[in-house]
Amino acid sequence: MSFSEKVLICDQVDATLNNTLQKNGLNVTYEPQITPEDLAKKIGDYEIIIVRSRTTITKDLVEKAAKCKIMARVGVGLDNIDTEAAKAKNIRVINAVEGAMNAVAELVIGLMLAMARDIPRADRELRNDKWIKKELMGTELAGKYLGIVGLGNIGKRLARLARALNMNVIGFDVVPIDAEFAKEVGLMKTDLDTLLQSADYVSLHVPLLDSTKNLINAQRISTMKKTARIINTSRGGTVDENALYEALKAGNLGGAALDVFEKEPAIGNKLVSLPNFIATPHIGAQTKEAQSLAATVIAEKVIQILRGVI
């Protein structure tokens, strides 16, 4: 079966997506640098709109998408698509939750190791011809308690990697946690407050909703161990950055690592001035493997929807 729908890809994505769609007869336009103004003019001509992180599909754009059947994000979250507006127009909205699962989980492990062994400082000082071996007394991940907030695909993958490092895993989610998975990784299920009080490391894997805005705030940080460390690779805004800054500056937290920020690009963010803070520029899904997989997943879902399979 071949298709003739027109597809507009608005952001830079792996070539697998374009190639697969074209092989199935779809008419693909690739404009990875399209401006919001140009998108508003062109969106009405396409049945399928595909974005990654750069482009935001607002309610106004959804209203202009007169022919649209499918809106897709080559990534995990759907923060940059007005899903309610799309639903009101019977537009299918899809994403690629499978694509970034391993990449994000591995980044969390990397950030935990970087904090545990103070790797950024070690590298920075040696580049400045300073041999600070005696100052770099680190800690090990083995035996530590990792609290995972949100046990979706990424949270589960992280739990499995952490268990391979002999960490103890504590989990919290607003939805029931699969009992078989919990048994597999030895997961200790608990409430959020108990998790925060008990964990040596806390990793967030939640969407940005009204209920998760500033989920980690000053009050909750105050209940954590002073040696505890926070990692956020989910969504900016789930951690109160002002509260985090004050806690780190005062020595009331051992450290933090953020891959996502309230405002991005996070240029000039005051957190980066702190020695016990690590920043990365939203690179959770930035691996060749993850981008290829996400592109493949979206292409397959688009084709299956057009075939009426899903």
Protein backbone atom coordinates (compact mmCIF):
# COMPACT_ATOMS: atom_id res chain seq x y z
CA MET A 1 0.00 0.00 0.00
CA SER A 2 1.33 3.41 -0.99
CA PHE A 3 0.20 6.80 0.27
CA SER A 4 0.06 10.30 -1.18
CA GLU A 5 -0.32 12.49 1.92
CA LYS A 6 1.89 15.53 2.27
CA VAL A 7 4.28 15.61 5.22
CA LEU A 8 6.02 18.67 6.67
CA ILE A 9 9.06 17.97 8.87
CA CYS A 10 9.78 21.16 10.81
CA ASP A 11 12.95 20.26 12.75
CA GLN A 12 16.24 18.49 12.18
CA VAL A 13 15.66 14.73 12.43
CA ASP A 14 17.48 11.57 11.48
CA ALA A 15 17.35 10.86 7.72
CA THR A 16 15.69 7.50 8.43
CA LEU A 17 12.37 9.27 8.93
CA ASN A 18 12.38 11.10 5.61
CA ASN A 19 13.62 8.06 3.70
CA THR A 20 11.07 5.65 5.17
CA LEU A 21 8.13 7.99 4.55
CA GLN A 22 9.19 8.65 0.95
CA LYS A 23 9.61 4.93 0.27
CA ASN A 24 5.95 4.53 1.24
CA GLY A 25 4.85 7.16 -1.27
CA LEU A 26 4.43 10.09 1.08
CA ASN A 27 5.28 13.55 -0.24
CA VAL A 28 7.81 14.88 2.28
CA THR A 29 8.90 18.50 2.67
CA TYR A 30 11.90 18.90 4.96
CA GLU A 31 12.28 22.38 6.45
CA PRO A 32 14.33 22.00 9.65
CA GLN A 33 14.75 25.76 10.09
CA ILE A 34 11.20 26.84 9.27
CA THR A 35 10.12 29.97 11.17
CA PRO A 36 6.83 30.21 13.09
CA GLU A 37 5.65 32.79 10.55
CA ASP A 38 6.34 30.53 7.56
CA LEU A 39 4.86 27.54 9.36
CA ALA A 40 1.65 29.47 9.96
CA LYS A 41 1.42 30.17 6.21
CA LYS A 42 2.17 26.60 5.10
CA ILE A 43 0.69 24.32 7.75
CA GLY A 44 -2.73 24.25 6.13
CA ASP A 45 -1.38 22.39 3.08
CA TYR A 46 -0.20 19.29 4.95
CA GLU A 47 -1.87 16.17 6.31
CA ILE A 48 1.05 15.26 8.58
CA ILE A 49 3.18 17.63 10.69
CA ILE A 50 6.35 16.35 12.36
CA VAL A 51 8.44 18.26 14.92
CA ARG A 52 11.20 17.54 17.37
CA SER A 53 12.05 20.11 20.09
CA ARG A 54 12.65 23.40 18.29
CA THR A 55 9.17 23.93 16.87
CA THR A 56 6.10 24.58 19.02
CA ILE A 57 2.68 23.75 17.64
CA THR A 58 0.37 26.24 19.30
CA LYS A 59 -3.42 26.30 19.36
CA ASP A 60 -3.33 28.94 16.65
CA LEU A 61 -1.24 26.69 14.41
CA VAL A 62 -3.54 23.75 15.07
CA GLU A 63 -6.49 25.88 13.96
CA LYS A 64 -4.66 26.68 10.72
CA ALA A 65 -3.89 23.00 10.05
CA ALA A 66 -7.04 22.46 8.01
CA LYS A 67 -5.99 19.17 6.36
CA CYS A 68 -3.95 17.70 9.22
CA LYS A 69 -4.54 14.09 10.27
CA ILE A 70 -1.41 13.45 12.33
CA MET A 71 0.95 15.55 14.44
CA ALA A 72 4.09 13.77 15.57
CA ARG A 73 7.00 14.56 17.84
CA VAL A 74 10.28 12.73 17.29
CA GLY A 75 10.88 12.57 21.02
CA VAL A 76 9.31 11.68 24.35
CA GLY A 77 7.28 14.58 25.73
CA LEU A 78 4.48 16.49 24.02
CA ASP A 79 5.01 19.82 25.76
CA ASN A 80 5.52 21.61 22.43
CA ILE A 81 2.25 20.45 20.85
CA ASP A 82 -1.14 21.73 22.02
CA THR A 83 -2.63 18.26 22.37
CA GLU A 84 -6.02 19.49 23.57
CA ALA A 85 -6.46 21.70 20.50
CA ALA A 86 -5.39 18.82 18.26
CA LYS A 87 -7.78 16.41 19.95
CA ALA A 88 -10.63 18.86 19.45
CA LYS A 89 -9.94 18.71 15.70
CA ASN A 90 -9.63 14.89 15.67
CA ILE A 91 -5.90 15.08 14.90
CA ARG A 92 -3.87 12.09 16.09
CA VAL A 93 -0.88 13.14 18.19
CA ILE A 94 1.97 10.67 18.51
CA ASN A 95 5.46 10.58 19.96
CA ALA A 96 8.41 8.21 20.23
CA VAL A 97 8.67 7.30 23.89
CA GLU A 98 10.77 4.26 22.99
CA GLY A 99 13.45 6.27 21.21
CA ALA A 100 15.17 8.06 24.10
CA MET A 101 14.68 5.42 26.77
CA ASN A 102 18.24 4.10 26.93
CA ALA A 103 19.97 7.36 26.01
CA VAL A 104 18.39 9.32 28.86
CA ALA A 105 18.92 6.55 31.39
CA GLU A 106 22.61 6.33 30.45
CA LEU A 107 22.95 10.11 30.78
CA VAL A 108 21.58 9.91 34.33
CA ILE A 109 24.17 7.27 35.20
CA GLY A 110 26.86 9.47 33.67
CA LEU A 111 25.75 12.51 35.67
CA MET A 112 25.66 10.49 38.89
CA LEU A 113 29.19 9.24 38.27
CA ALA A 114 30.34 12.77 37.41
CA MET A 115 29.01 14.05 40.73
CA ALA A 116 30.22 11.08 42.77
CA ARG A 117 33.79 11.44 41.52
CA ASP A 118 33.79 15.21 40.81
CA ILE A 119 34.89 14.51 37.24
CA PRO A 120 34.19 18.00 35.82
CA ARG A 121 36.40 19.62 38.47
CA ALA A 122 39.15 17.03 38.03
CA ASP A 123 39.24 17.68 34.29
CA ARG A 124 39.04 21.46 34.67
CA GLU A 125 41.85 21.71 37.22
CA LEU A 126 44.20 19.41 35.34
CA ARG A 127 43.72 21.54 32.22
CA ASN A 128 44.89 24.44 34.40
CA ASP A 129 48.02 22.46 35.38
CA LYS A 130 46.73 21.70 38.88
CA TRP A 131 47.18 18.18 40.30
CA ILE A 132 44.47 18.06 42.99
CA LYS A 133 44.40 14.31 43.62
CA LYS A 134 44.25 14.68 47.42
CA GLU A 135 41.18 16.93 47.20
CA LEU A 136 39.23 14.51 45.03
CA MET A 137 37.96 11.98 47.55
CA GLY A 138 34.85 10.63 45.87
CA THR A 139 32.12 8.18 46.71
CA GLU A 140 30.84 5.04 44.98
CA LEU A 141 27.40 4.43 43.56
CA ALA A 142 27.30 0.83 44.79
CA GLY A 143 25.16 0.55 47.90
CA LYS A 144 23.65 4.02 47.54
CA TYR A 145 19.90 4.62 47.38
CA LEU A 146 18.56 5.94 44.08
CA GLY A 147 15.09 7.45 44.23
CA ILE A 148 13.34 7.42 40.86
CA VAL A 149 10.34 9.73 40.54
CA GLY A 150 8.32 8.41 37.62
CA LEU A 151 8.60 4.77 36.56
CA GLY A 152 7.75 5.00 32.88
CA ASN A 153 9.97 3.58 30.15
CA ILE A 154 12.96 5.74 31.06
CA GLY A 155 12.54 5.29 34.81
CA LYS A 156 12.40 1.52 34.39
CA ARG A 157 15.49 1.48 32.20
CA LEU A 158 17.36 3.58 34.74
CA ALA A 159 16.33 1.22 37.55
CA ARG A 160 17.76 -1.74 35.66
CA LEU A 161 21.05 0.05 34.99
CA ALA A 162 21.27 1.15 38.63
CA ARG A 163 20.74 -2.39 39.86
CA ALA A 164 23.58 -3.52 37.60
CA LEU A 165 25.74 -1.03 39.55
CA ASN A 166 24.49 -2.56 42.84
CA MET A 167 22.48 0.49 43.80
CA ASN A 168 19.32 0.21 45.88
CA VAL A 169 16.28 1.53 44.03
CA ILE A 170 13.36 3.41 45.57
CA GLY A 171 10.43 4.30 43.33
CA PHE A 172 7.42 6.60 43.31
CA ASP A 173 4.77 7.13 40.66
CA VAL A 174 1.24 8.49 40.63
CA VAL A 175 0.17 5.41 38.66
CA PRO A 176 0.52 1.82 39.94
CA ILE A 177 4.01 0.39 39.54
CA ASP A 178 4.17 -3.01 37.85
CA ALA A 179 4.69 -5.65 40.54
CA GLU A 180 6.73 -7.96 38.29
CA PHE A 181 9.13 -5.13 37.38
CA ALA A 182 9.42 -4.10 41.04
CA LYS A 183 10.38 -7.65 41.96
CA GLU A 184 12.91 -7.83 39.10
CA VAL A 185 14.92 -4.81 40.30
CA GLY A 186 14.17 -5.11 44.00
CA LEU A 187 12.28 -1.82 43.87
CA MET A 188 11.10 -0.34 47.16
CA LYS A 189 7.82 1.41 46.36
CA THR A 190 7.04 4.41 48.55
CA ASP A 191 5.49 7.87 48.64
CA LEU A 192 7.33 10.92 47.34
CA ASP A 193 8.19 12.41 50.73
CA THR A 194 9.70 9.17 52.02
CA LEU A 195 11.67 8.77 48.80
CA LEU A 196 13.16 12.24 49.12
CA GLN A 197 14.06 11.72 52.76
CA SER A 198 15.74 8.37 52.07
CA ALA A 199 17.57 8.71 48.75
CA ASP A 200 21.21 9.54 48.12
CA TYR A 201 20.34 10.38 44.52
CA VAL A 202 16.96 11.53 43.18
CA SER A 203 16.23 11.32 39.46
CA LEU A 204 13.11 12.89 37.95
CA HIS A 205 11.23 11.30 35.05
CA VAL A 206 7.91 13.14 34.93
CA PRO A 207 6.10 15.37 32.41
CA LEU A 208 5.61 19.07 33.11
CA LEU A 209 2.02 19.45 34.32
CA ASP A 210 0.29 21.73 36.79
CA SER A 211 0.75 18.96 39.36
CA THR A 212 4.50 18.61 38.69
CA LYS A 213 5.40 22.30 38.37
CA ASN A 214 8.12 22.91 41.02
CA LEU A 215 7.56 19.37 42.27
CA ILE A 216 10.98 19.64 43.90
CA ASN A 217 10.63 22.88 45.86
CA ALA A 218 12.28 24.48 48.88
CA GLN A 219 10.14 22.61 51.39
CA ARG A 220 10.84 19.21 49.85
CA ILE A 221 14.54 19.93 49.41
CA SER A 222 14.71 20.79 53.13
CA THR A 223 13.69 17.20 53.99
CA MET A 224 16.49 15.62 51.93
CA LYS A 225 19.88 14.49 53.18
CA LYS A 226 22.49 17.23 53.02
CA THR A 227 24.64 14.83 51.01
CA ALA A 228 21.84 13.99 48.55
CA ARG A 229 22.05 14.85 44.86
CA ILE A 230 19.29 15.72 42.39
CA ILE A 231 19.28 14.84 38.69
CA ASN A 232 16.66 16.19 36.29
CA THR A 233 16.60 14.96 32.69
CA SER A 234 12.82 15.13 32.31
CA ARG A 235 11.37 18.63 31.96
CA GLY A 236 12.49 22.06 33.05
CA GLY A 237 10.14 23.55 35.62
CA THR A 238 9.72 20.37 37.64
CA VAL A 239 12.55 21.59 39.88
CA ASP A 240 12.33 25.04 41.48
CA GLU A 241 15.66 26.42 40.27
CA ASN A 242 15.75 29.28 42.78
CA ALA A 243 15.20 26.88 45.68
CA LEU A 244 17.81 24.52 44.25
CA TYR A 245 20.32 27.36 43.93
CA GLU A 246 19.84 28.44 47.54
CA ALA A 247 20.16 24.88 48.85
CA LEU A 248 23.32 24.18 46.87
CA LYS A 249 24.88 27.53 47.79
CA ALA A 250 24.17 26.97 51.49
CA GLY A 251 25.54 23.42 51.43
CA ASN A 252 22.15 21.89 52.22
CA LEU A 253 22.46 19.54 49.24
CA GLY A 254 25.43 17.54 48.06
CA GLY A 255 24.95 18.44 44.42
CA ALA A 256 22.66 18.61 41.43
CA ALA A 257 22.81 17.97 37.70
CA LEU A 258 20.25 19.41 35.28
CA ASP A 259 19.87 18.60 31.60
CA VAL A 260 16.64 20.61 31.36
CA PHE A 261 15.81 24.13 32.53
CA GLU A 262 12.85 26.44 33.10
CA LYS A 263 14.11 28.66 30.28
CA GLU A 264 16.10 27.24 27.39
CA PRO A 265 18.66 27.93 26.11
CA ALA A 266 19.78 28.32 29.74
CA ILE A 267 22.39 30.96 28.98
CA GLY A 268 23.35 33.01 32.04
CA ASN A 269 21.62 30.67 34.49
CA LYS A 270 22.99 31.39 37.97
CA LEU A 271 23.20 27.70 38.86
CA VAL A 272 26.26 27.25 36.65
CA SER A 273 28.27 29.48 38.98
CA LEU A 274 28.09 26.85 41.73
CA PRO A 275 30.89 24.27 42.13
CA ASN A 276 28.46 21.51 43.19
CA PHE A 277 26.32 21.84 40.07
CA ILE A 278 26.62 20.17 36.65
CA ALA A 279 24.77 21.42 33.58
CA THR A 280 24.21 19.84 30.18
CA PRO A 281 22.25 21.52 27.33
CA HIS A 282 19.20 19.22 27.02
CA ILE A 283 21.17 16.33 25.51
CA GLY A 284 19.20 13.45 27.03
CA ALA A 285 18.15 12.06 23.66
CA GLN A 286 21.17 13.38 21.76
CA THR A 287 22.72 10.09 20.67
CA LYS A 288 22.93 8.72 17.16
CA GLU A 289 21.17 5.56 18.28
CA ALA A 290 18.31 7.36 20.02
CA GLN A 291 17.65 9.72 17.11
CA SER A 292 17.69 6.87 14.61
CA LEU A 293 15.34 4.80 16.73
CA ALA A 294 12.95 7.72 17.35
CA ALA A 295 12.84 8.46 13.62
CA THR A 296 12.10 4.81 12.86
CA VAL A 297 9.37 4.65 15.51
CA ILE A 298 7.60 7.78 14.21
CA ALA A 299 7.80 6.63 10.59
CA GLU A 300 6.31 3.25 11.49
CA LYS A 301 3.53 4.79 13.60
CA VAL A 302 2.58 7.24 10.82
CA ILE A 303 2.38 4.42 8.28
CA GLN A 304 0.39 2.18 10.63
CA ILE A 305 -2.10 4.98 11.33
CA LEU A 306 -2.58 5.59 7.61
CA ARG A 307 -3.11 1.87 7.09
CA GLY A 308 -5.69 1.84 9.90
CA VAL A 309 -3.66 -0.61 11.98
CA ILE A 310 -3.44 1.63 15.05
